[in-house]
Structure formats: C-alpha cells, structure tokens
C-alpha cells in the first residue's frame, strides 16, 4: 500500500491527533493496545504498534509510554532497572525512533531518553498553543520542522505545597482519580498542540508528495 497521506499516530487511544489529521483529509490511523476512546474504531489499530512500523507511512507521530522513563518517577528507577521494566521502555522508544520513515515525531516528558539517546529537538508547553496549562513536553524530530507556537496564553493555576514546591493544578487534581484514569489524564495531548501538529507537520507531508 502506498505511503501517500498515510499517517500513523502511535500509542494514542484518545485519537486527539488522529482526528485533527483526519479533518485535514489525511489517512491517519491511531494505534494502541487499549481500545480507542476517540469514537472512531474504524481508524484504530488495537494492537502492539511495533509490527505496524514496518509498513510504509508518510509520517509517524508517536506517544510512547513514559511510565518507566519520565524524570517525575525517578524514585522508582532503581527497582525498574533491576526488574527490566525500564529497559523495556527504552527499547520500545528506540524501536519507534528507528522506524524506516522519513518523518517521525516522538513525544515524551522530560526523562532519561535525553541522556541515554539524545536531547530533544524541542521542548513545548500547552500554553504556547492556546491551552492555559503547563506540561513540559519534549519532541524528538526526524524530517519535521520545529512546532511553531500558535497562541500564547497564561500558564494556568498552580498548587503550592508546604515544602515550597508547586504543581500545575490540573496535574495535581489528577491524583484524586483512580490510577488508570489518572494516567490517562496526565498523559493526554492538549487540543492546541494536537491541532498544531496536524496542521504544521501535515503541510510537510503535502510538500513531500508533490
């Protein structure tokens, strides 16, 4: 099957980016081991994404799990190194990075891949794309330009703790949810970033197809 206009959005059950790409007329498909919650199972591969990486794609946008890689979970790193969970996360991330596709974007929070592999090409925040929230987001890019801010707004409310540290309120509020829901909320892609990814990066695909 031709790669023309076919885009894989890896590790995305929400279909947030997939739907934005579809609105632009592109054949975008989400993939996750979980069923999709975005309302379009006809666009969703519910399976391990690694075999799909061998197919031809115009672009791959990936959101690999950060549970064993993010700096926010550093207190558990030693245990995860010993039982192999961290290495599994690293290997999965790097298999996406090695995909034979001319345009690849990998999203993750600040974590160990910046030192184990390479520094991200870019670090962005939701408030640079119209959503009044803070969530430090790293992007590793191949064949794609830096994502340009679209609408800079305020950074949103923060919760301060007795220790003097603080967290974005939306992130702190997620702790009130059951673990699975909490993880989904904290890993979500904000709409403004999804829209920017779709509009700016799909333009590169269109150039490549002409």
Protein backbone atom coordinates (compact mmCIF):
# COMPACT_ATOMS: atom_id res chain seq x y z
CA UNK A 1 0.00 0.00 0.00
CA UNK A 2 1.31 3.47 -0.88
CA UNK A 3 2.51 5.69 1.95
CA UNK A 4 0.90 8.76 0.36
CA UNK A 5 -1.09 10.64 3.00
CA UNK A 6 -0.99 7.65 5.38
CA UNK A 7 -0.02 8.71 8.89
CA UNK A 8 0.43 6.51 11.94
CA UNK A 9 -0.28 8.03 15.35
CA UNK A 10 1.33 5.51 17.66
CA UNK A 11 0.31 4.88 21.27
CA UNK A 12 -2.75 7.12 21.02
CA UNK A 13 -6.03 5.69 22.29
CA UNK A 14 -7.61 9.15 22.64
CA UNK A 15 -7.34 9.81 18.88
CA UNK A 16 -6.81 13.52 19.64
CA UNK A 17 -4.12 13.99 16.99
CA UNK A 18 -5.64 11.42 14.65
CA UNK A 19 -8.92 13.32 14.44
CA UNK A 20 -7.15 16.60 13.71
CA UNK A 21 -5.27 14.95 10.86
CA UNK A 22 -8.48 13.42 9.52
CA UNK A 23 -10.09 16.86 9.46
CA UNK A 24 -7.37 17.84 7.00
CA UNK A 25 -8.23 14.95 4.71
CA UNK A 26 -5.32 12.70 5.63
CA UNK A 27 -5.49 8.93 6.17
CA UNK A 28 -4.46 8.98 9.81
CA UNK A 29 -4.68 5.87 11.98
CA UNK A 30 -4.27 5.62 15.73
CA UNK A 31 -2.74 2.57 17.38
CA UNK A 32 -2.70 1.43 20.99
CA UNK A 33 -3.05 -1.81 22.94
CA UNK A 34 -6.14 -0.21 24.52
CA UNK A 35 -9.42 0.34 22.65
CA UNK A 36 -9.81 3.87 21.34
CA UNK A 37 -11.80 6.42 23.32
CA UNK A 38 -11.96 8.93 20.48
CA UNK A 39 -15.10 7.47 18.94
CA UNK A 40 -13.63 6.14 15.69
CA UNK A 41 -12.66 2.47 15.97
CA UNK A 42 -12.59 2.28 12.16
CA UNK A 43 -9.41 4.39 12.31
CA UNK A 44 -7.85 2.46 15.19
CA UNK A 45 -5.46 -0.48 15.37
CA UNK A 46 -5.85 -2.11 18.77
CA UNK A 47 -2.54 -3.95 18.86
CA UNK A 48 1.16 -3.65 19.52
CA UNK A 49 2.40 -0.87 17.26
CA UNK A 50 5.82 -2.38 16.52
CA UNK A 51 4.74 -4.58 13.55
CA UNK A 52 2.97 -1.56 12.03
CA UNK A 53 6.25 0.37 11.98
CA UNK A 54 7.40 -1.93 9.17
CA UNK A 55 4.67 -0.64 6.85
CA UNK A 56 5.04 2.41 4.61
CA UNK A 57 3.93 5.66 6.26
CA UNK A 58 4.16 9.27 5.16
CA UNK A 59 4.67 10.26 8.79
CA UNK A 60 4.72 8.70 12.26
CA UNK A 61 3.74 10.68 15.35
CA UNK A 62 4.36 8.65 18.49
CA UNK A 63 3.50 8.99 22.17
CA UNK A 64 5.35 6.04 23.74
CA UNK A 65 4.57 5.24 27.39
CA UNK A 66 6.67 7.35 29.75
CA UNK A 67 5.92 5.40 32.96
CA UNK A 68 9.44 3.98 33.23
CA UNK A 69 11.26 6.88 31.53
CA UNK A 70 9.95 10.15 32.98
CA UNK A 71 12.05 12.07 35.48
CA UNK A 72 8.95 12.51 37.65
CA UNK A 73 9.22 8.82 38.55
CA UNK A 74 12.93 8.84 39.38
CA UNK A 75 12.35 7.49 42.90
CA UNK A 76 11.32 4.14 41.36
CA UNK A 77 14.10 3.94 38.77
CA UNK A 78 16.34 1.58 40.73
CA UNK A 79 13.62 -1.04 41.12
CA UNK A 80 12.63 -0.67 37.47
CA UNK A 81 16.23 -1.15 36.36
CA UNK A 82 16.53 -4.34 38.41
CA UNK A 83 13.35 -5.97 37.12
CA UNK A 84 13.81 -4.87 33.49
CA UNK A 85 10.82 -2.54 33.18
CA UNK A 86 12.94 0.49 32.41
CA UNK A 87 14.92 -1.32 29.72
CA UNK A 88 11.66 -2.45 28.11
CA UNK A 89 10.54 1.19 27.97
CA UNK A 90 13.87 2.26 26.48
CA UNK A 91 13.80 -0.49 23.86
CA UNK A 92 10.24 0.34 22.83
CA UNK A 93 11.09 4.05 22.49
CA UNK A 94 14.16 3.30 20.39
CA UNK A 95 12.32 0.92 18.05
CA UNK A 96 9.99 3.79 17.19
CA UNK A 97 12.98 6.11 16.72
CA UNK A 98 14.50 3.58 14.31
CA UNK A 99 11.37 3.27 12.16
CA UNK A 100 12.08 3.45 8.43
CA UNK A 101 10.04 6.58 7.81
CA UNK A 102 11.26 9.94 6.56
CA UNK A 103 9.16 11.92 9.05
CA UNK A 104 9.00 10.87 12.68
CA UNK A 105 8.00 12.78 15.80
CA UNK A 106 8.27 11.26 19.28
CA UNK A 107 6.66 12.96 22.27
CA UNK A 108 7.60 12.33 25.91
CA UNK A 109 8.00 14.30 29.13
CA UNK A 110 11.42 15.21 30.49
CA UNK A 111 13.17 11.93 31.26
CA UNK A 112 16.11 9.63 30.74
CA UNK A 113 15.99 9.49 26.93
CA UNK A 114 17.56 12.95 26.76
CA UNK A 115 20.76 11.50 28.18
CA UNK A 116 20.53 7.87 27.05
CA UNK A 117 19.83 8.76 23.42
CA UNK A 118 19.96 12.47 22.60
CA UNK A 119 18.49 15.76 23.69
CA UNK A 120 15.06 16.56 22.23
CA UNK A 121 14.87 18.90 19.27
CA UNK A 122 12.31 21.00 21.07
CA UNK A 123 10.51 21.46 24.40
CA UNK A 124 7.00 22.89 24.24
CA UNK A 125 4.17 23.85 26.60
CA UNK A 126 0.36 23.76 26.14
CA UNK A 127 0.12 27.49 26.93
CA UNK A 128 2.07 28.19 23.73
CA UNK A 129 -0.79 26.67 21.74
CA UNK A 130 -3.87 28.22 23.31
CA UNK A 131 -4.42 25.97 26.34
CA UNK A 132 -3.79 27.66 29.73
CA UNK A 133 -1.81 24.79 31.23
CA UNK A 134 1.79 23.84 31.95
CA UNK A 135 3.12 20.46 30.86
CA UNK A 136 6.76 20.33 29.81
CA UNK A 137 6.76 18.25 26.64
CA UNK A 138 9.82 17.06 24.71
CA UNK A 139 9.78 16.41 20.97
CA UNK A 140 12.36 14.33 19.11
CA UNK A 141 12.02 15.04 15.40
CA UNK A 142 13.23 13.48 12.15
CA UNK A 143 12.41 15.17 8.85
CA UNK A 144 10.00 17.58 10.51
CA UNK A 145 10.33 21.25 11.47
CA UNK A 146 10.08 22.62 14.98
CA UNK A 147 6.50 23.16 16.06
CA UNK A 148 5.73 26.87 15.97
CA UNK A 149 3.64 28.43 18.79
CA UNK A 150 0.14 29.37 17.64
CA UNK A 151 -1.43 31.30 20.53
CA UNK A 152 0.45 32.11 23.74
CA UNK A 153 -1.87 32.36 26.77
CA UNK A 154 -1.41 32.35 30.54
CA UNK A 155 0.24 29.34 32.17
CA UNK A 156 -2.72 28.38 34.34
CA UNK A 157 -3.18 27.85 38.04
CA UNK A 158 -0.62 26.09 40.23
CA UNK A 159 -0.98 24.35 43.59
CA UNK A 160 1.64 25.17 46.23
CA UNK A 161 2.70 22.64 48.88
CA UNK A 162 4.10 23.09 52.38
CA UNK A 163 7.52 22.03 51.08
CA UNK A 164 7.58 25.11 48.89
CA UNK A 165 7.23 23.07 45.70
CA UNK A 166 4.31 23.52 43.35
CA UNK A 167 2.48 21.66 40.58
CA UNK A 168 0.05 22.67 37.85
CA UNK A 169 -3.44 22.38 39.32
CA UNK A 170 -4.72 20.12 36.52
CA UNK A 171 -1.85 17.70 37.19
CA UNK A 172 -2.37 17.76 40.95
CA UNK A 173 -6.13 17.22 40.60
CA UNK A 174 -5.45 14.03 38.63
CA UNK A 175 -4.28 12.35 41.85
CA UNK A 176 -7.91 12.33 43.01
CA UNK A 177 -8.78 9.91 40.20
CA UNK A 178 -8.36 6.10 40.12
CA UNK A 179 -4.88 5.09 38.86
CA UNK A 180 -5.90 4.19 35.27
CA UNK A 181 -7.95 7.38 34.80
CA UNK A 182 -5.18 9.41 36.43
CA UNK A 183 -2.62 8.10 33.96
CA UNK A 184 -4.90 8.86 31.02
CA UNK A 185 -5.48 12.45 32.16
CA UNK A 186 -1.83 13.13 32.87
CA UNK A 187 -0.66 11.72 29.54
CA UNK A 188 -3.26 13.44 27.38
CA UNK A 189 -2.30 15.61 24.42
CA UNK A 190 -3.80 19.06 24.73
CA UNK A 191 -6.02 20.11 21.85
CA UNK A 192 -3.94 23.13 20.82
CA UNK A 193 -0.78 21.05 20.48
CA UNK A 194 -2.66 18.33 18.57
CA UNK A 195 -4.04 20.90 16.14
CA UNK A 196 -0.59 22.45 15.62
CA UNK A 197 0.98 19.04 15.00
CA UNK A 198 -1.66 18.19 12.44
CA UNK A 199 -1.63 21.47 10.55
CA UNK A 200 2.11 22.20 10.59
CA UNK A 201 3.51 18.73 10.08
CA UNK A 202 0.93 17.57 7.54
CA UNK A 203 2.00 20.53 5.41
CA UNK A 204 5.43 18.89 5.20
CA UNK A 205 3.83 15.65 4.04
CA UNK A 206 1.95 17.51 1.33
CA UNK A 207 5.21 19.11 0.13
CA UNK A 208 6.86 15.71 0.01
CA UNK A 209 4.01 14.26 -2.01
CA UNK A 210 4.18 16.91 -4.72
